[in-house]
Each structure stands twice: as C-alpha cells, then as structure tokens.
Amino acid sequence: MKAFHWPVRVYYEDTDAGGVVYHANYLNFMERARTEWLRSLGIEQDELRAQQGVIFVVRAVQVDYRLPAMFNDLLQISARIVAQGKTSLTIEQQVLRENDQALLCQGEVHVVCLNAEKFRPCAIPAGLLKTIIQGEE
C-alpha cells in the first residue's frame, strides 16, 4: 500500500534547550499525519463519531528513534497501513528530514475502532474501511 506524506516544520516549542526535538513530539507529528491522511480521504474524525458512532484510539505504539530532528527542520511524516483486522489497523509511520531524506524516527501505531458510547472495540464500518483501503491503493 502507498504511503501518505504530511509536511511538518519543527518549531522552537517542539525542542529542548539544545534545539533537539523532544522525543514525545514525534508522536504528536505522527498523530497529525494520521489525522491529515484521514482528512485527505474525506474522513473527519468528529463527523465519524457523530454520524457513525465510532472513534479510533491508539492501542499500542512502537517507536525507534534514529537521528535527531532540530529546530527549523522541515520534516515529512508518512503513514501507511501494514495490517488490518476486523476492529483494528496497524499503521507504519516514518519521519524523514526533507533536505536529505534521512530517516529520523519510525514507528508502528496500532489503532482500534471503538463504539463511541461504550468505549468497546467494534468492527470498522464496511464503508469506512472501503474508503480507507481504496485510498491506500
């Protein structure tokens, strides 16, 4: 499946005193990319909850930090489905520095579809899954 890419500029607020991106902010960058990926498919998460009664939540994250991103770097954050289940998706994400394409961080994010009222896992609605999978092809 093809990857979605989203640009992110590193701001001063994203860094520590040495100008290096704080480790937890990579998760924020990845979250933004996943949100924009869904948005690019016409899926707004607030509408998903209101209209279909489901939400996606992060169940597990595995992250491998390789090189530091620095203040003012332009990054490319990718998102690509690598596995799907009845109630879940596993999304591979990478953070690359734009100017030299260096791999700074990579992760695997396991998201689960929940019934928004009961907060219990439920099947990903068929139409939603079709939209996501077709958008990945």
Protein backbone atom coordinates (compact mmCIF):
# COMPACT_ATOMS: atom_id res chain seq x y z
CA MET A 1 0.00 0.00 0.00
CA LYS A 2 1.18 3.51 -0.75
CA ALA A 3 2.15 5.96 1.94
CA PHE A 4 0.54 9.30 2.72
CA HIS A 5 3.00 12.15 3.39
CA TRP A 6 2.48 15.27 5.51
CA PRO A 7 5.00 18.11 5.95
CA VAL A 8 5.81 19.37 9.44
CA ARG A 9 8.10 22.26 10.36
CA VAL A 10 9.94 21.93 13.67
CA TYR A 11 9.13 24.94 15.85
CA TYR A 12 11.05 26.16 18.85
CA GLU A 13 8.26 24.85 21.10
CA ASP A 14 8.94 21.32 19.78
CA THR A 15 12.53 21.31 21.02
CA ASP A 16 14.54 21.16 24.21
CA ALA A 17 17.14 23.75 25.26
CA GLY A 18 19.63 22.26 22.78
CA GLY A 19 17.29 22.72 19.81
CA VAL A 20 16.60 18.97 19.52
CA VAL A 21 13.02 17.72 19.08
CA TYR A 22 11.72 16.32 22.37
CA HIS A 23 11.03 12.59 21.96
CA ALA A 24 7.29 12.73 22.72
CA ASN A 25 6.73 15.32 19.99
CA TYR A 26 7.40 12.70 17.32
CA LEU A 27 4.17 11.05 18.46
CA ASN A 28 2.37 14.38 18.00
CA PHE A 29 3.80 14.69 14.49
CA MET A 30 2.63 11.14 13.69
CA GLU A 31 -0.83 11.85 15.07
CA ARG A 32 -1.15 14.95 12.87
CA ALA A 33 -0.13 12.94 9.81
CA ARG A 34 -2.73 10.23 10.56
CA THR A 35 -5.41 12.90 11.01
CA GLU A 36 -4.47 14.61 7.75
CA TRP A 37 -4.34 11.23 5.97
CA LEU A 38 -7.93 10.52 7.03
CA ARG A 39 -8.93 14.08 6.09
CA SER A 40 -7.40 13.57 2.62
CA LEU A 41 -9.77 10.60 2.25
CA GLY A 42 -12.76 12.76 3.21
CA ILE A 43 -12.94 11.36 6.75
CA GLU A 44 -13.32 13.88 9.57
CA GLN A 45 -13.00 12.23 12.97
CA ASP A 46 -15.62 14.39 14.69
CA GLU A 47 -18.11 13.57 11.92
CA LEU A 48 -17.20 9.90 12.18
CA ARG A 49 -18.20 9.94 15.83
CA ALA A 50 -21.39 11.94 15.26
CA GLN A 51 -22.59 10.09 12.16
CA GLN A 52 -21.36 6.51 12.65
CA GLY A 53 -20.84 6.37 16.41
CA VAL A 54 -17.24 5.19 16.22
CA ILE A 55 -13.83 6.56 17.10
CA PHE A 56 -10.27 5.37 16.54
CA VAL A 57 -7.95 5.15 19.54
CA VAL A 58 -4.30 4.27 19.82
CA ARG A 59 -3.88 0.85 21.43
CA ALA A 60 -0.10 0.47 21.13
CA VAL A 61 2.90 2.33 19.75
CA GLN A 62 6.39 1.12 19.00
CA VAL A 63 8.92 3.84 18.17
CA ASP A 64 12.55 3.66 17.05
CA TYR A 65 14.46 6.93 17.32
CA ARG A 66 17.44 7.05 14.93
CA LEU A 67 18.63 10.63 14.42
CA PRO A 68 17.56 13.92 15.99
CA ALA A 69 15.35 16.46 14.29
CA MET A 70 16.42 20.01 15.02
CA PHE A 71 14.76 23.41 15.33
CA ASN A 72 13.53 24.69 11.95
CA ASP A 73 13.94 21.35 10.11
CA LEU A 74 11.25 20.57 7.56
CA LEU A 75 10.08 17.01 8.07
CA GLN A 76 7.99 14.61 6.02
CA ILE A 77 5.79 12.33 8.11
CA SER A 78 4.40 9.26 6.37
CA ALA A 79 1.56 6.92 7.23
CA ARG A 80 0.83 3.58 5.59
CA ILE A 81 -1.37 0.68 6.61
CA VAL A 82 0.63 -2.51 7.05
CA ALA A 83 -2.07 -4.70 8.63
CA GLN A 84 -5.80 -4.67 9.18
CA GLY A 85 -8.16 -6.63 11.34
CA LYS A 86 -11.90 -6.58 11.92
CA THR A 87 -11.55 -3.86 14.57
CA SER A 88 -8.04 -2.51 14.02
CA LEU A 89 -5.42 -1.06 11.72
CA THR A 90 -1.66 -1.13 12.09
CA ILE A 91 -0.01 1.93 10.58
CA GLU A 92 3.68 2.24 9.82
CA GLN A 93 4.98 5.78 10.16
CA GLN A 94 8.28 7.38 9.31
CA VAL A 95 9.75 10.79 9.99
CA LEU A 96 12.21 11.94 7.33
CA ARG A 97 14.18 15.18 7.17
CA GLU A 98 13.14 16.86 3.92
CA ASN A 99 16.52 18.19 2.74
CA ASP A 100 18.49 14.91 2.90
CA GLN A 101 15.73 12.29 3.29
CA ALA A 102 17.43 10.97 6.46
CA LEU A 103 15.23 8.60 8.46
CA LEU A 104 14.97 10.22 11.89
CA CYS A 105 12.28 8.12 13.50
CA GLN A 106 9.99 5.28 12.61
CA GLY A 107 7.10 3.72 14.38
CA GLU A 108 4.22 1.34 14.22
CA VAL A 109 0.89 2.51 15.60
CA HIS A 110 -1.91 0.06 16.33
CA VAL A 111 -5.32 1.78 16.32
CA VAL A 112 -8.62 0.21 17.32
CA CYS A 113 -12.13 1.19 16.32
CA LEU A 114 -14.38 1.74 19.35
CA ASN A 115 -18.07 2.25 19.85
CA ALA A 116 -18.01 5.92 20.89
CA GLU A 117 -20.60 5.48 23.67
CA LYS A 118 -19.45 2.20 25.22
CA PHE A 119 -15.71 2.57 24.54
CA ARG A 120 -15.65 -1.08 23.50
CA PRO A 121 -14.00 -2.43 20.33
CA CYS A 122 -16.30 -2.78 17.34
CA ALA A 123 -15.93 -3.68 13.70
CA ILE A 124 -14.69 -0.89 11.46
CA PRO A 125 -17.79 0.10 9.44
CA ALA A 126 -17.61 -1.53 5.98
CA GLY A 127 -17.96 1.73 4.05
CA LEU A 128 -15.30 3.41 6.15
CA LEU A 129 -12.89 0.51 5.72
CA LYS A 130 -13.53 0.52 1.95
CA THR A 131 -12.72 4.25 1.78
CA ILE A 132 -9.51 3.75 3.77
CA ILE A 133 -8.33 0.74 1.78
CA GLN A 134 -9.16 2.28 -1.61
CA GLY A 135 -7.32 5.42 -0.57
CA GLU A 136 -4.25 3.29 0.14
CA GLU A 137 -4.14 1.71 -3.30
